[in-house]
Amino acid sequence: MSKSHFFSINIYVHSLKDYLTNKLNMKKSYSILIFQCLFSMILGNEIENNKILNIMVDHNYELKDQKYDELNTYFCFPFSYNHHEEVKTAMTARELKKLLKKLRKKLPRNHSHKDWKKMNVKILNESIALVNAMYSRIDKNNSSYFTGAAMYSFRKEDDKWKIFSITPFKPYNYFEFE
C-alpha cells in the first residue's frame, strides 16, 4: 500500500469519525431540546393549574364573608349559572352580586361556608380551562350537611384566570380529568 493511499484512507476514517461524532452530538442536542420543551410545558401547566386552584380557594373565602366587593377579580362577564334546566346569567358585577345573594338566600339559615373536597383542573387551551370540584356545605356548628359537585369554566383575561360559568351537578357524577 502506498503512502498516499494510506493517507487518503486515514483522512476518510477521520472524516467518518467526525461525521459520526457530529451526528451523535446532534441527536443529544435534539434529545435535550425535546426534554426541555416537555419539561417547560409540564411545569407551565402545573403553574397555571395552581393559579386556577388558588382562585377557587380565594373566591370561596370572598363568598363566605359575603363581601362581594372583589367579584371582578374572580369572575368575567357574561357569567352563567347553569342549574338544572334554568340558566341564570349576569352581564355585570352588579347583576352577579344580586344573583349570588339570591342563591345564598336559598341556603339554610345556619349555613356557614363550603369546603372543597376534590378539585381537578383541565386546561383546554391557553385561554379556557375547566375545574371539576366536589364540595361540602358546612353549617355554623362546623358539620357537613350537604355534598355537591360543580363544573367551573375559566377564561384567561389580561393574563388572569376568571370564572365565567358554574354548572352544579350530583356528586356521584364527579369525575377526574385524565
C-alpha atoms as a PDB file:
ATOM      1  CA  MET A   1       0.000   0.000   0.000  1.00  0.00           C
ATOM      2  CA  SER A   2       1.444   3.319  -0.998  1.00  0.00           C
ATOM      3  CA  LYS A   3       1.923   6.199   1.387  1.00  0.00           C
ATOM      4  CA  SER A   4      -0.608   8.405  -0.453  1.00  0.00           C
ATOM      5  CA  HIS A   5      -3.187   5.597  -0.402  1.00  0.00           C
ATOM      6  CA  PHE A   6      -2.724   5.121   3.326  1.00  0.00           C
ATOM      7  CA  PHE A   7      -3.041   8.878   3.824  1.00  0.00           C
ATOM      8  CA  SER A   8      -6.366   9.004   1.933  1.00  0.00           C
ATOM      9  CA  ILE A   9      -7.767   6.079   3.989  1.00  0.00           C
ATOM     10  CA  ASN A  10      -6.661   7.829   7.173  1.00  0.00           C
ATOM     11  CA  ILE A  11      -8.428  11.035   6.058  1.00  0.00           C
ATOM     12  CA  TYR A  12     -11.540   9.020   5.216  1.00  0.00           C
ATOM     13  CA  VAL A  13     -11.551   7.359   8.660  1.00  0.00           C
ATOM     14  CA  HIS A  14     -11.110  10.713  10.399  1.00  0.00           C
ATOM     15  CA  SER A  15     -13.876  12.229   8.274  1.00  0.00           C
ATOM     16  CA  LEU A  16     -16.188   9.332   9.088  1.00  0.00           C
ATOM     17  CA  LYS A  17     -15.332   9.628  12.778  1.00  0.00           C
ATOM     18  CA  ASP A  18     -16.043  13.373  12.727  1.00  0.00           C
ATOM     19  CA  TYR A  19     -19.292  12.783  10.859  1.00  0.00           C
ATOM     20  CA  LEU A  20     -20.494  10.156  13.365  1.00  0.00           C
ATOM     21  CA  THR A  21     -19.427  12.302  16.324  1.00  0.00           C
ATOM     22  CA  ASN A  22     -21.331  15.292  14.921  1.00  0.00           C
ATOM     23  CA  LYS A  23     -24.361  13.097  14.234  1.00  0.00           C
ATOM     24  CA  LEU A  24     -24.294  11.765  17.799  1.00  0.00           C
ATOM     25  CA  ASN A  25     -23.930  15.279  19.212  1.00  0.00           C
ATOM     26  CA  MET A  26     -26.899  16.442  17.114  1.00  0.00           C
ATOM     27  CA  LYS A  27     -29.025  13.579  18.478  1.00  0.00           C
ATOM     28  CA  LYS A  28     -28.003  14.513  22.023  1.00  0.00           C
ATOM     29  CA  SER A  29     -28.830  18.150  21.317  1.00  0.00           C
ATOM     30  CA  TYR A  30     -32.243  17.237  19.902  1.00  0.00           C
ATOM     31  CA  SER A  31     -32.957  14.988  22.889  1.00  0.00           C
ATOM     32  CA  ILE A  32     -32.012  17.737  25.338  1.00  0.00           C
ATOM     33  CA  LEU A  33     -34.099  20.276  23.432  1.00  0.00           C
ATOM     34  CA  ILE A  34     -37.151  17.975  23.386  1.00  0.00           C
ATOM     35  CA  PHE A  35     -36.726  17.244  27.106  1.00  0.00           C
ATOM     36  CA  GLN A  36     -36.500  20.966  27.896  1.00  0.00           C
ATOM     37  CA  CYS A  37     -39.636  21.716  25.853  1.00  0.00           C
ATOM     38  CA  LEU A  38     -41.626  18.942  27.544  1.00  0.00           C
ATOM     39  CA  PHE A  39     -40.384  19.992  30.979  1.00  0.00           C
ATOM     40  CA  SER A  40     -41.348  23.612  30.287  1.00  0.00           C
ATOM     41  CA  MET A  41     -44.821  22.584  29.112  1.00  0.00           C
ATOM     42  CA  ILE A  42     -45.436  20.359  32.109  1.00  0.00           C
ATOM     43  CA  LEU A  43     -44.098  22.952  34.545  1.00  0.00           C
ATOM     44  CA  GLY A  44     -46.101  25.677  32.788  1.00  0.00           C
ATOM     45  CA  ASN A  45     -49.317  23.665  33.070  1.00  0.00           C
ATOM     46  CA  GLU A  46     -48.675  22.982  36.753  1.00  0.00           C
ATOM     47  CA  ILE A  47     -48.169  26.683  37.398  1.00  0.00           C
ATOM     48  CA  GLU A  48     -51.406  27.515  35.563  1.00  0.00           C
ATOM     49  CA  ASN A  49     -53.252  24.726  37.424  1.00  0.00           C
ATOM     50  CA  ASN A  50     -52.069  26.187  40.740  1.00  0.00           C
ATOM     51  CA  LYS A  51     -53.165  29.684  39.731  1.00  0.00           C
ATOM     52  CA  ILE A  52     -56.637  28.355  38.953  1.00  0.00           C
ATOM     53  CA  LEU A  53     -56.876  26.348  42.187  1.00  0.00           C
ATOM     54  CA  ASN A  54     -55.816  29.436  44.164  1.00  0.00           C
ATOM     55  CA  ILE A  55     -58.635  31.387  42.540  1.00  0.00           C
ATOM     56  CA  MET A  56     -61.087  28.642  43.538  1.00  0.00           C
ATOM     57  CA  VAL A  57     -59.959  28.895  47.177  1.00  0.00           C
ATOM     58  CA  ASP A  58     -59.789  32.697  47.245  1.00  0.00           C
ATOM     59  CA  HIS A  59     -63.203  33.239  45.662  1.00  0.00           C
ATOM     60  CA  ASN A  60     -64.683  30.773  48.150  1.00  0.00           C
ATOM     61  CA  TYR A  61     -63.434  32.973  51.023  1.00  0.00           C
ATOM     62  CA  GLU A  62     -64.821  36.040  49.270  1.00  0.00           C
ATOM     63  CA  LEU A  63     -68.268  34.407  49.072  1.00  0.00           C
ATOM     64  CA  LYS A  64     -68.046  33.077  52.641  1.00  0.00           C
ATOM     65  CA  ASP A  65     -67.628  36.572  54.017  1.00  0.00           C
ATOM     66  CA  GLN A  66     -70.467  37.807  51.770  1.00  0.00           C
ATOM     67  CA  LYS A  67     -68.413  40.826  50.798  1.00  0.00           C
ATOM     68  CA  TYR A  68     -68.929  40.511  47.042  1.00  0.00           C
ATOM     69  CA  ASP A  69     -66.606  43.525  46.621  1.00  0.00           C
ATOM     70  CA  GLU A  70     -63.955  41.686  44.609  1.00  0.00           C
ATOM     71  CA  LEU A  71     -66.207  39.937  42.079  1.00  0.00           C
ATOM     72  CA  ASN A  72     -64.278  41.408  39.135  1.00  0.00           C
ATOM     73  CA  THR A  73     -61.159  39.697  40.482  1.00  0.00           C
ATOM     74  CA  TYR A  74     -62.682  36.209  40.238  1.00  0.00           C
ATOM     75  CA  PHE A  75     -65.408  36.417  37.584  1.00  0.00           C
ATOM     76  CA  CYS A  76     -65.673  37.619  34.000  1.00  0.00           C
ATOM     77  CA  PHE A  77     -68.766  38.569  32.064  1.00  0.00           C
ATOM     78  CA  PRO A  78     -71.105  37.460  30.754  1.00  0.00           C
ATOM     79  CA  PHE A  79     -71.352  34.907  33.565  1.00  0.00           C
ATOM     80  CA  SER A  80     -73.765  31.967  33.623  1.00  0.00           C
ATOM     81  CA  TYR A  81     -75.027  29.759  36.429  1.00  0.00           C
ATOM     82  CA  ASN A  82     -76.450  26.607  34.836  1.00  0.00           C
ATOM     83  CA  HIS A  83     -78.793  24.996  37.333  1.00  0.00           C
ATOM     84  CA  HIS A  84     -80.787  22.017  36.012  1.00  0.00           C
ATOM     85  CA  GLU A  85     -82.966  23.387  33.232  1.00  0.00           C
ATOM     86  CA  GLU A  86     -82.616  27.030  34.242  1.00  0.00           C
ATOM     87  CA  VAL A  87     -79.694  29.215  33.196  1.00  0.00           C
ATOM     88  CA  LYS A  88     -79.137  32.411  35.134  1.00  0.00           C
ATOM     89  CA  THR A  89     -76.843  34.995  33.603  1.00  0.00           C
ATOM     90  CA  ALA A  90     -75.137  38.129  34.816  1.00  0.00           C
ATOM     91  CA  MET A  91     -73.738  40.692  32.433  1.00  0.00           C
ATOM     92  CA  THR A  92     -72.097  42.875  35.112  1.00  0.00           C
ATOM     93  CA  ALA A  93     -70.626  42.575  38.601  1.00  0.00           C
ATOM     94  CA  ARG A  94     -73.752  44.252  39.981  1.00  0.00           C
ATOM     95  CA  GLU A  95     -76.016  41.618  38.384  1.00  0.00           C
ATOM     96  CA  LEU A  96     -73.722  38.844  39.643  1.00  0.00           C
ATOM     97  CA  LYS A  97     -73.891  40.269  43.169  1.00  0.00           C
ATOM     98  CA  LYS A  98     -77.714  40.085  43.013  1.00  0.00           C
ATOM     99  CA  LEU A  99     -77.568  36.538  41.653  1.00  0.00           C
ATOM    100  CA  LEU A 100     -75.198  35.383  44.404  1.00  0.00           C
ATOM    101  CA  LYS A 101     -77.388  36.952  47.085  1.00  0.00           C
ATOM    102  CA  LYS A 102     -80.461  35.124  45.690  1.00  0.00           C
ATOM    103  CA  LEU A 103     -78.563  31.834  45.679  1.00  0.00           C
ATOM    104  CA  ARG A 104     -77.334  32.478  49.220  1.00  0.00           C
ATOM    105  CA  LYS A 105     -80.924  33.058  50.440  1.00  0.00           C
ATOM    106  CA  LYS A 106     -81.828  29.518  49.343  1.00  0.00           C
ATOM    107  CA  LEU A 107     -79.266  28.046  51.754  1.00  0.00           C
ATOM    108  CA  PRO A 108     -80.275  27.079  55.327  1.00  0.00           C
ATOM    109  CA  ARG A 109     -80.034  29.819  57.956  1.00  0.00           C
ATOM    110  CA  ASN A 110     -77.206  28.067  59.767  1.00  0.00           C
ATOM    111  CA  HIS A 111     -75.066  27.731  56.603  1.00  0.00           C
ATOM    112  CA  SER A 112     -71.509  28.873  57.257  1.00  0.00           C
ATOM    113  CA  HIS A 113     -69.350  28.069  54.237  1.00  0.00           C
ATOM    114  CA  LYS A 114     -68.310  25.367  51.811  1.00  0.00           C
ATOM    115  CA  ASP A 115     -65.177  23.248  51.961  1.00  0.00           C
ATOM    116  CA  TRP A 116     -63.535  21.853  48.851  1.00  0.00           C
ATOM    117  CA  LYS A 117     -63.197  18.066  48.922  1.00  0.00           C
ATOM    118  CA  LYS A 118     -61.693  17.491  45.480  1.00  0.00           C
ATOM    119  CA  MET A 119     -60.702  19.740  42.614  1.00  0.00           C
ATOM    120  CA  ASN A 120     -59.382  18.678  39.256  1.00  0.00           C
ATOM    121  CA  VAL A 121     -58.168  21.118  36.571  1.00  0.00           C
ATOM    122  CA  LYS A 122     -58.138  20.601  32.812  1.00  0.00           C
ATOM    123  CA  ILE A 123     -56.588  23.339  30.690  1.00  0.00           C
ATOM    124  CA  LEU A 124     -58.212  23.095  27.259  1.00  0.00           C
ATOM    125  CA  ASN A 125     -56.067  25.772  25.597  1.00  0.00           C
ATOM    126  CA  GLU A 126     -54.208  28.920  26.601  1.00  0.00           C
ATOM    127  CA  SER A 127     -57.432  30.797  27.351  1.00  0.00           C
ATOM    128  CA  ILE A 128     -60.020  28.204  28.524  1.00  0.00           C
ATOM    129  CA  ALA A 129     -59.856  25.816  31.487  1.00  0.00           C
ATOM    130  CA  LEU A 130     -62.296  23.641  33.433  1.00  0.00           C
ATOM    131  CA  VAL A 131     -62.343  22.746  37.109  1.00  0.00           C
ATOM    132  CA  ASN A 132     -64.370  19.807  38.302  1.00  0.00           C
ATOM    133  CA  ALA A 133     -64.939  20.338  42.016  1.00  0.00           C
ATOM    134  CA  MET A 134     -66.580  18.414  44.834  1.00  0.00           C
ATOM    135  CA  TYR A 135     -67.501  20.303  47.977  1.00  0.00           C
ATOM    136  CA  SER A 136     -69.343  20.044  51.281  1.00  0.00           C
ATOM    137  CA  ARG A 137     -71.576  22.723  52.710  1.00  0.00           C
ATOM    138  CA  ILE A 138     -70.740  23.346  56.346  1.00  0.00           C
ATOM    139  CA  ASP A 139     -73.095  24.736  58.988  1.00  0.00           C
ATOM    140  CA  LYS A 140     -72.245  27.052  61.872  1.00  0.00           C
ATOM    141  CA  ASN A 141     -71.597  24.012  64.105  1.00  0.00           C
ATOM    142  CA  ASN A 142     -68.860  23.030  61.643  1.00  0.00           C
ATOM    143  CA  SER A 143     -70.820  19.955  60.473  1.00  0.00           C
ATOM    144  CA  SER A 144     -71.245  18.938  56.877  1.00  0.00           C
ATOM    145  CA  TYR A 145     -74.899  18.945  55.814  1.00  0.00           C
ATOM    146  CA  PHE A 146     -74.618  18.604  52.019  1.00  0.00           C
ATOM    147  CA  THR A 147     -72.134  17.295  49.448  1.00  0.00           C
ATOM    148  CA  GLY A 148     -72.253  18.579  45.910  1.00  0.00           C
ATOM    149  CA  ALA A 149     -70.180  18.955  42.777  1.00  0.00           C
ATOM    150  CA  ALA A 150     -69.866  21.599  40.096  1.00  0.00           C
ATOM    151  CA  MET A 151     -68.026  22.314  36.877  1.00  0.00           C
ATOM    152  CA  TYR A 152     -66.335  25.722  36.848  1.00  0.00           C
ATOM    153  CA  SER A 153     -65.392  27.185  33.468  1.00  0.00           C
ATOM    154  CA  PHE A 154     -62.491  29.640  33.379  1.00  0.00           C
ATOM    155  CA  ARG A 155     -61.370  32.153  30.788  1.00  0.00           C
ATOM    156  CA  LYS A 156     -57.984  33.855  30.825  1.00  0.00           C
ATOM    157  CA  GLU A 157     -58.379  37.634  30.521  1.00  0.00           C
ATOM    158  CA  ASP A 158     -55.463  40.037  30.833  1.00  0.00           C
ATOM    159  CA  ASP A 159     -53.253  37.141  31.923  1.00  0.00           C
ATOM    160  CA  LYS A 160     -55.617  36.263  34.824  1.00  0.00           C
ATOM    161  CA  TRP A 161     -57.935  33.277  35.096  1.00  0.00           C
ATOM    162  CA  LYS A 162     -61.566  34.163  35.835  1.00  0.00           C
ATOM    163  CA  ILE A 163     -64.764  32.123  36.240  1.00  0.00           C
ATOM    164  CA  PHE A 164     -67.346  32.618  33.501  1.00  0.00           C
ATOM    165  CA  SER A 165     -69.676  29.706  34.210  1.00  0.00           C
ATOM    166  CA  ILE A 166     -70.680  27.349  37.025  1.00  0.00           C
ATOM    167  CA  THR A 167     -72.677  24.187  36.452  1.00  0.00           C
ATOM    168  CA  PRO A 168     -73.658  22.274  39.609  1.00  0.00           C
ATOM    169  CA  PHE A 169     -74.389  18.528  39.401  1.00  0.00           C
ATOM    170  CA  LYS A 170     -74.840  15.488  41.625  1.00  0.00           C
ATOM    171  CA  PRO A 171     -71.669  14.415  43.458  1.00  0.00           C
ATOM    172  CA  TYR A 172     -71.937  10.858  42.147  1.00  0.00           C
ATOM    173  CA  ASN A 173     -71.329  12.350  38.671  1.00  0.00           C
ATOM    174  CA  TYR A 174     -67.982  13.769  39.787  1.00  0.00           C
ATOM    175  CA  PHE A 175     -65.093  12.673  37.587  1.00  0.00           C
ATOM    176  CA  GLU A 176     -61.427  13.478  37.232  1.00  0.00           C
ATOM    177  CA  PHE A 177     -59.837  14.617  34.007  1.00  0.00           C
ATOM    178  CA  GLU A 178     -57.174  12.364  32.555  1.00  0.00           C
END
